[in-house]
Protein backbone atom coordinates (compact mmCIF):
# COMPACT_ATOMS: atom_id res chain seq x y z
CA MET A 1 -19.57 -23.82 7.19
CA PRO A 2 -19.01 -21.86 10.65
CA THR A 3 -20.91 -18.82 11.38
CA GLU A 4 -19.22 -15.51 11.16
CA SER A 5 -18.81 -13.83 14.56
CA MET A 6 -16.70 -10.96 13.97
CA THR A 7 -16.81 -7.75 11.68
CA PRO A 8 -14.16 -7.03 9.36
CA ARG A 9 -12.58 -4.45 11.82
CA GLU A 10 -12.66 -7.33 14.49
CA ARG A 11 -10.88 -9.62 12.18
CA TRP A 12 -8.17 -7.26 11.18
CA GLN A 13 -7.74 -6.18 14.90
CA ALA A 14 -7.44 -9.83 15.91
CA VAL A 15 -4.77 -10.51 13.13
CA LEU A 16 -2.84 -7.31 13.99
CA ASP A 17 -3.06 -8.24 17.72
CA ARG A 18 -1.93 -11.85 17.08
CA LYS A 19 -4.96 -13.33 18.41
CA PRO A 20 -7.20 -15.73 16.37
CA PRO A 21 -9.99 -14.35 14.21
CA ASP A 22 -13.09 -16.23 13.36
CA ARG A 23 -11.60 -16.59 9.85
CA VAL A 24 -8.62 -14.97 8.05
CA PRO A 25 -9.60 -11.60 6.79
CA MET A 26 -9.32 -10.80 2.96
CA ASP A 27 -8.42 -7.76 1.19
CA ILE A 28 -8.68 -6.70 -2.47
CA TRP A 29 -6.44 -4.33 -4.55
CA ALA A 30 -7.34 -3.96 -8.19
CA THR A 31 -6.99 -1.51 -11.20
CA GLY A 32 -10.06 0.17 -12.39
CA GLU A 33 -10.42 -2.05 -15.52
CA ALA A 34 -9.91 -5.17 -13.46
CA MET A 35 -12.48 -3.92 -10.90
CA ALA A 36 -14.92 -3.10 -13.78
CA LYS A 37 -14.57 -6.60 -15.26
CA LEU A 38 -15.26 -8.11 -11.85
CA LYS A 39 -18.25 -6.09 -11.45
CA ARG A 40 -19.62 -7.06 -14.72
CA HIS A 41 -18.93 -10.93 -13.89
CA LEU A 42 -20.70 -10.49 -10.64
CA GLY A 43 -23.56 -8.47 -11.82
CA VAL A 44 -23.10 -5.71 -9.48
CA GLU A 45 -22.51 -1.97 -9.86
CA THR A 46 -20.11 -0.95 -6.88
CA ARG A 47 -16.82 -2.03 -5.26
CA ASP A 48 -18.79 -2.24 -1.85
CA GLU A 49 -21.19 -4.78 -3.48
CA VAL A 50 -18.16 -6.55 -4.66
CA CYS A 51 -16.77 -6.83 -1.02
CA ARG A 52 -20.01 -7.96 0.21
CA LYS A 53 -20.65 -10.72 -2.39
CA LEU A 54 -17.08 -12.18 -2.07
CA ARG A 55 -16.95 -11.38 1.76
CA ILE A 56 -13.98 -9.20 1.57
CA ASP A 57 -12.88 -7.39 4.52
CA ALA A 58 -11.57 -4.24 2.76
CA PRO A 59 -10.64 -1.26 4.89
CA LEU A 60 -12.22 1.99 4.31
CA ASN A 61 -9.69 4.64 3.14
CA THR A 62 -10.04 8.35 3.85
CA GLY A 63 -8.09 11.40 3.73
CA PRO A 64 -8.44 15.28 3.36
CA ARG A 65 -9.71 17.09 0.38
CA TYR A 66 -7.57 19.20 -1.53
CA ALA A 67 -8.67 22.94 -1.25
CA GLY A 68 -5.19 24.75 -2.07
CA PRO A 69 -4.17 27.00 -5.04
CA PRO A 70 -5.42 25.44 -8.40
CA PRO A 71 -2.58 23.92 -10.22
CA ALA A 72 -1.62 25.31 -13.72
CA GLU A 73 -3.64 23.85 -16.57
CA GLY A 74 -2.47 20.30 -17.49
CA GLU A 75 -0.33 20.09 -14.19
CA ASP A 76 -0.94 18.53 -10.79
CA ILE A 77 -0.15 20.23 -7.59
CA TRP A 78 3.56 19.27 -7.72
CA GLY A 79 3.96 20.98 -11.28
CA CYS A 80 4.06 17.38 -12.94
CA ARG A 81 2.17 16.69 -16.22
CA HIS A 82 1.07 13.23 -17.03
CA ARG A 83 -0.35 11.34 -20.01
CA ASP A 84 -2.31 8.08 -20.16
CA VAL A 85 -0.23 5.02 -21.73
CA SER A 86 -1.97 1.95 -22.81
CA TYR A 87 -0.65 -1.35 -21.57
CA GLU A 88 -2.15 -4.93 -22.14
CA GLY A 89 -5.66 -4.73 -20.66
CA GLY A 90 -5.14 -1.22 -19.15
CA VAL A 91 -4.27 2.53 -19.02
CA TYR A 92 -1.69 3.87 -16.57
CA SER A 93 -1.00 7.68 -16.13
CA GLU A 94 2.65 8.30 -16.52
CA CYS A 95 4.68 11.33 -15.63
CA VAL A 96 6.08 13.02 -18.46
CA HIS A 97 7.12 16.38 -17.32
CA ASN A 98 9.48 16.51 -14.17
CA PRO A 99 9.31 20.31 -12.78
CA LEU A 100 12.75 19.80 -10.83
CA ALA A 101 14.75 18.16 -13.74
CA ALA A 102 16.58 21.09 -14.75
CA PHE A 103 17.76 22.13 -11.29
CA GLU A 104 21.34 21.66 -10.22
CA SER A 105 21.40 22.81 -6.78
CA VAL A 106 19.21 23.27 -3.71
CA ASP A 107 19.69 26.96 -3.89
CA GLU A 108 18.06 26.79 -7.39
CA ILE A 109 15.18 24.82 -6.09
CA GLU A 110 14.60 27.12 -3.01
CA ALA A 111 14.59 30.22 -5.38
CA SER A 112 12.03 28.90 -7.73
CA TYR A 113 10.08 26.17 -6.60
CA ARG A 114 6.88 26.39 -4.19
CA TRP A 115 6.31 23.28 -2.03
CA PRO A 116 2.88 22.31 -1.32
CA ASP A 117 1.85 23.20 2.27
CA PRO A 118 -0.28 21.08 4.47
CA ASP A 119 -2.77 23.83 4.97
CA TRP A 120 -3.71 23.48 1.14
CA TRP A 121 -5.90 20.43 2.37
CA ASP A 122 -9.22 20.53 4.11
CA TYR A 123 -9.24 17.93 6.94
CA SER A 124 -12.68 18.92 8.26
CA GLY A 125 -14.73 16.56 6.17
CA ILE A 126 -12.71 13.30 7.09
CA ALA A 127 -14.94 12.48 10.09
CA ALA A 128 -18.28 13.04 8.06
CA HIS A 129 -16.91 10.89 5.30
CA VAL A 130 -16.19 7.97 7.60
CA ALA A 131 -19.38 8.51 9.47
CA GLU A 132 -21.43 8.39 6.14
CA ALA A 133 -19.58 5.38 4.46
CA THR A 134 -21.08 2.01 4.04
CA ARG A 135 -20.63 -0.14 6.87
CA ALA A 136 -18.13 2.27 8.24
CA GLU A 137 -18.53 1.10 11.88
CA ASP A 138 -17.65 -2.49 10.93
CA ARG A 139 -14.55 -1.62 8.86
CA PRO A 140 -10.90 -1.05 9.48
CA ILE A 141 -10.01 2.58 8.69
CA ARG A 142 -6.80 3.22 6.73
CA ALA A 143 -5.56 6.90 6.55
CA GLY A 144 -2.24 8.82 6.65
CA GLY A 145 1.20 7.75 5.79
CA SER A 146 3.88 8.50 3.26
CA GLU A 147 5.75 7.29 -0.19
CA PRO A 148 8.03 10.45 -0.88
CA PHE A 149 10.86 8.90 -3.02
CA LEU A 150 7.98 8.05 -5.69
CA THR A 151 7.08 11.78 -5.73
CA TYR A 152 10.84 12.79 -5.81
CA CYS A 153 11.25 10.57 -9.01
CA GLU A 154 8.26 12.31 -10.59
CA LEU A 155 9.75 15.72 -9.53
CA ARG A 156 13.23 15.06 -10.96
CA GLY A 157 12.59 12.02 -13.49
CA GLN A 158 12.81 8.36 -12.84
CA GLU A 159 16.44 7.89 -14.03
CA GLN A 160 17.75 11.20 -12.39
CA GLY A 161 16.02 10.53 -9.11
CA TYR A 162 18.12 7.25 -8.70
CA MET A 163 21.50 9.02 -9.95
CA ASP A 164 20.93 11.76 -7.50
CA LEU A 165 21.50 9.38 -4.55
CA VAL A 166 25.15 9.34 -5.84
CA LEU A 167 25.57 12.45 -7.75
CA ASN A 168 23.29 14.97 -5.71
CA PRO A 169 22.76 13.64 -2.27
CA GLU A 170 22.24 17.12 -0.71
CA MET A 171 19.23 17.56 -3.21
CA VAL A 172 17.86 14.33 -2.30
CA HIS A 173 18.09 15.02 1.42
CA TYR A 174 16.72 18.43 1.02
CA CYS A 175 13.61 17.30 -1.21
CA LEU A 176 12.85 14.10 1.01
CA ASP A 177 12.80 16.39 4.21
CA LYS A 178 10.35 18.63 2.41
CA LEU A 179 8.24 15.66 1.29
CA PHE A 180 8.39 13.69 4.42
CA ASP A 181 7.66 16.78 6.35
CA LEU A 182 4.37 17.24 4.47
CA ALA A 183 3.33 13.69 4.72
CA TYR A 184 4.10 13.85 8.59
CA GLU A 185 1.75 17.19 9.09
CA GLN A 186 -0.94 15.72 6.94
CA THR A 187 -0.99 12.52 8.86
CA ARG A 188 -0.76 14.07 12.14
CA ARG A 189 -3.89 16.21 11.32
CA ILE A 190 -5.78 13.14 10.03
CA TYR A 191 -5.27 11.68 13.31
CA GLU A 192 -6.59 14.86 15.05
CA ALA A 193 -9.80 14.79 12.93
CA LEU A 194 -10.22 10.89 13.63
CA PRO A 195 -9.03 10.49 17.23
CA ASN A 196 -8.45 6.84 18.03
CA LYS A 197 -10.25 5.69 14.78
CA VAL A 198 -7.47 4.95 12.26
CA MET A 199 -6.34 1.57 12.45
CA ILE A 200 -3.61 1.35 9.78
CA SER A 201 -1.39 3.82 7.97
CA TYR A 202 0.65 3.21 4.67
CA VAL A 203 4.22 3.98 5.14
CA ALA A 204 5.64 2.72 1.89
CA GLU A 205 8.55 2.96 -0.58
CA ASP A 206 9.25 0.52 -3.43
CA LEU A 207 12.63 -0.80 -2.54
CA GLY A 208 12.76 -4.00 -4.54
CA SER A 209 13.05 -5.14 -8.25
CA GLN A 210 12.47 -8.80 -9.30
CA ASN A 211 15.65 -10.22 -8.29
CA ASP A 212 17.23 -7.81 -5.69
CA LEU A 213 16.93 -4.11 -4.09
CA LEU A 214 16.60 -0.97 -6.36
CA PHE A 215 18.99 0.83 -4.28
CA SER A 216 21.92 -0.19 -2.29
CA LEU A 217 21.28 -1.08 1.50
CA ALA A 218 23.48 1.88 2.40
CA HIS A 219 21.45 4.31 0.46
CA ILE A 220 18.19 2.91 1.86
CA ARG A 221 19.56 3.42 5.49
CA GLU A 222 20.90 6.88 4.78
CA PHE A 223 18.05 8.51 2.77
CA LEU A 224 14.91 6.50 3.73
CA LEU A 225 14.88 4.57 6.84
CA PRO A 226 15.24 7.38 9.25
CA ARG A 227 12.70 9.31 7.84
CA MET A 228 10.39 6.31 7.50
CA LYS A 229 11.08 5.74 11.20
CA ARG A 230 9.91 9.07 12.14
CA MET A 231 6.72 8.43 10.29
CA MET A 232 6.24 5.24 11.91
CA ASP A 233 6.69 6.54 15.28
CA LEU A 234 3.92 9.05 14.38
CA VAL A 235 1.61 6.26 13.61
CA HIS A 236 2.48 4.44 16.60
CA SER A 237 1.96 7.40 18.54
CA ALA A 238 -1.75 7.52 17.46
CA GLY A 239 -2.46 3.86 18.39
CA ALA A 240 -2.32 2.90 14.68
CA TYR A 241 -0.47 0.09 12.93
CA VAL A 242 2.18 0.50 10.32
CA PHE A 243 1.40 -0.98 7.03
CA THR A 244 4.54 -1.09 4.97
CA HIS A 245 4.24 -1.65 1.23
CA SER A 246 7.36 -2.73 -0.83
CA ASP A 247 7.46 -4.47 -4.15
CA GLY A 248 9.84 -7.12 -5.24
CA SER A 249 12.90 -8.81 -3.79
CA ILE A 250 13.44 -6.86 -0.27
CA ARG A 251 14.63 -9.72 1.91
CA LYS A 252 17.76 -7.99 2.76
CA VAL A 253 15.97 -4.86 4.19
CA ILE A 254 13.17 -6.70 6.02
CA PRO A 255 15.38 -6.65 9.43
CA ASP A 256 15.72 -2.94 9.14
CA LEU A 257 12.19 -2.37 8.56
CA ILE A 258 11.24 -4.33 11.66
CA GLU A 259 13.73 -2.55 13.61
CA ILE A 260 12.01 0.86 12.68
CA GLY A 261 8.66 -0.24 13.59
CA MET A 262 6.93 -2.04 10.61
CA ASP A 263 3.87 -3.92 11.75
CA VAL A 264 2.55 -5.43 8.53
CA LEU A 265 4.42 -6.30 5.30
CA ASN A 266 2.80 -6.03 1.89
CA PRO A 267 2.64 -7.43 -0.79
CA ILE A 268 4.72 -10.49 -0.54
CA GLN A 269 5.76 -11.21 -4.00
CA TRP A 270 6.91 -14.64 -3.49
CA ARG A 271 8.15 -15.36 -7.01
CA CYS A 272 10.79 -12.89 -6.54
CA ALA A 273 14.23 -13.79 -5.33
CA GLY A 274 14.82 -14.28 -1.59
CA MET A 275 10.95 -13.87 -0.91
CA GLU A 276 10.12 -17.53 -0.58
CA ARG A 277 7.16 -17.79 1.93
CA ASP A 278 8.31 -20.35 4.33
CA ALA A 279 11.64 -18.64 4.85
CA LEU A 280 9.82 -15.26 5.41
CA LYS A 281 7.47 -17.00 7.91
CA ARG A 282 10.04 -18.76 9.71
CA GLU A 283 12.18 -15.89 10.13
CA PHE A 284 9.87 -13.01 10.65
CA GLY A 285 6.45 -14.33 11.25
CA GLU A 286 6.67 -13.90 15.20
CA THR A 287 7.37 -10.19 14.62
CA ILE A 288 5.19 -8.87 11.69
CA CYS A 289 1.84 -9.76 9.97
CA PHE A 290 1.79 -10.60 6.05
CA HIS A 291 -0.71 -9.03 3.80
CA GLY A 292 -0.76 -10.27 0.08
CA GLY A 293 0.89 -13.21 -1.24
CA MET A 294 -1.43 -14.20 -4.10
CA ASP A 295 0.70 -14.00 -7.03
CA ASN A 296 -0.41 -11.43 -9.98
CA GLN A 297 2.39 -12.38 -12.26
CA GLN A 298 1.38 -15.80 -13.03
CA THR A 299 -1.25 -17.43 -10.99
CA LEU A 300 -4.19 -14.94 -10.99
CA ALA A 301 -3.14 -13.72 -14.47
CA PHE A 302 -2.55 -16.86 -16.14
CA GLY A 303 -3.36 -19.80 -13.75
CA THR A 304 -6.40 -21.86 -13.69
CA VAL A 305 -9.20 -21.68 -11.06
CA GLU A 306 -7.58 -24.86 -9.51
CA ASP A 307 -4.09 -23.24 -9.34
CA VAL A 308 -5.72 -20.21 -7.55
CA ARG A 309 -7.41 -22.41 -5.12
CA GLN A 310 -4.10 -24.39 -4.27
CA GLU A 311 -2.18 -21.07 -3.87
CA VAL A 312 -4.91 -19.86 -1.39
CA ALA A 313 -4.38 -23.15 0.57
CA ASP A 314 -0.54 -22.81 0.35
CA ASN A 315 -0.76 -19.56 1.75
CA LEU A 316 -2.96 -20.10 4.53
CA ARG A 317 -0.80 -23.05 5.47
CA ILE A 318 2.61 -21.39 5.22
CA LEU A 319 1.83 -17.62 5.81
CA GLY A 320 -1.20 -18.11 7.99
CA GLU A 321 0.37 -20.77 10.45
CA GLY A 322 -0.04 -19.42 13.78
CA GLY A 323 -1.92 -16.40 12.58
CA GLY A 324 -0.71 -13.02 11.34
CA TYR A 325 -1.86 -13.29 7.69
CA ILE A 326 -4.44 -11.50 5.53
CA ILE A 327 -5.23 -12.84 2.18
CA ALA A 328 -4.85 -10.52 -0.65
CA PRO A 329 -3.35 -10.23 -4.15
CA CYS A 330 0.27 -9.27 -4.38
CA HIS A 331 -0.39 -5.84 -5.63
CA ASN A 332 -3.34 -4.54 -7.80
CA ILE A 333 -5.16 -7.34 -9.78
CA GLN A 334 -4.43 -6.37 -13.43
CA ALA A 335 -7.19 -6.30 -16.15
CA VAL A 336 -5.52 -9.53 -17.80
CA SER A 337 -6.57 -11.56 -14.65
CA PRO A 338 -9.81 -13.63 -15.53
CA PRO A 339 -12.54 -12.70 -13.11
CA GLU A 340 -13.10 -16.24 -12.54
CA ASN A 341 -9.53 -16.59 -10.90
CA VAL A 342 -10.41 -13.45 -8.72
CA VAL A 343 -13.78 -15.04 -7.53
CA ALA A 344 -12.06 -18.30 -7.01
CA MET A 345 -9.29 -16.65 -4.74
CA PHE A 346 -11.88 -15.12 -2.50
CA GLU A 347 -14.14 -18.15 -2.49
CA ALA A 348 -11.12 -20.46 -1.53
CA GLY A 349 -10.16 -17.97 1.24
CA TYR A 350 -13.50 -17.98 2.74
CA GLU A 351 -14.23 -21.59 2.56
CA LEU A 352 -10.55 -22.56 3.92
CA GLY A 353 -9.73 -19.66 6.11
CA TRP A 354 -11.53 -20.62 9.24
CA THR A 355 -9.72 -20.52 12.40
CA VAL A 356 -12.38 -21.61 14.99
């Protein structure tokens, strides 16, 4: 086995710059339950220990601390209320109260709703958090970004949020402006607190289902892309890279995302319609990097260790050809995935991912 000559930060930087790393970097996304199973399986106590043991090049995530007005009991800062809902192997917090659901006009919202202010967050501790984090100097730093339509749907309700695109477009424009403005200013202040330190910022919206886009392409272009471009321009102005997350079948919108500034596409759910790995690499591999590609729906959850190892090899051969690939699960590893499969993914990635 070759000897590592790069830190995780250097490894990510090489991939982002389209230069050969010593080996293909690896990242991990997992639910709390899945991470707890993995810790028990490995006999360790912390996420950092998991990453060290499996040689995972996970970024250091950081951000401001909330210091604003205390929300009402049982509510978050947006006025939403949540409850835990149990699914197979895990629990997810679901929004069950949507504070803007009853409003019928922008005027009503302006008269009654208080939007969070960027001053409600304390940015002064970000630099100290990074300085004190484990192996901080060796890790890529991820901070800032946006995912406002997700918040909009919690404010209005999932179904109403999508219907508003047709029935209440002025409300969508108004609310998304508020949400993007907040994300923009928070991100700008993060960059001020960490000058020239942030490597990647998460500019995301879930645009795809299993078989096609969740929105019409016309709606994506009207409501989301111009605002996402403003965020991406901010990221690039700080010398950072745009890490774009969108689940599902999004082949139709990838050219638009590249045009507005996407640098990295996650999570590459290649079993979804139109997301075949070889076609994505052939059409877009010269322009963007790929992050993910390890299937959560079947392979990690229900496959064998050999199935997992074969998929790692396939991803390195297809997505990793010529560089521009970071091995990771295609979204959070779920608790139904055997820890043996998770370990196999990273062991195979380490064994097979050498590029020098």
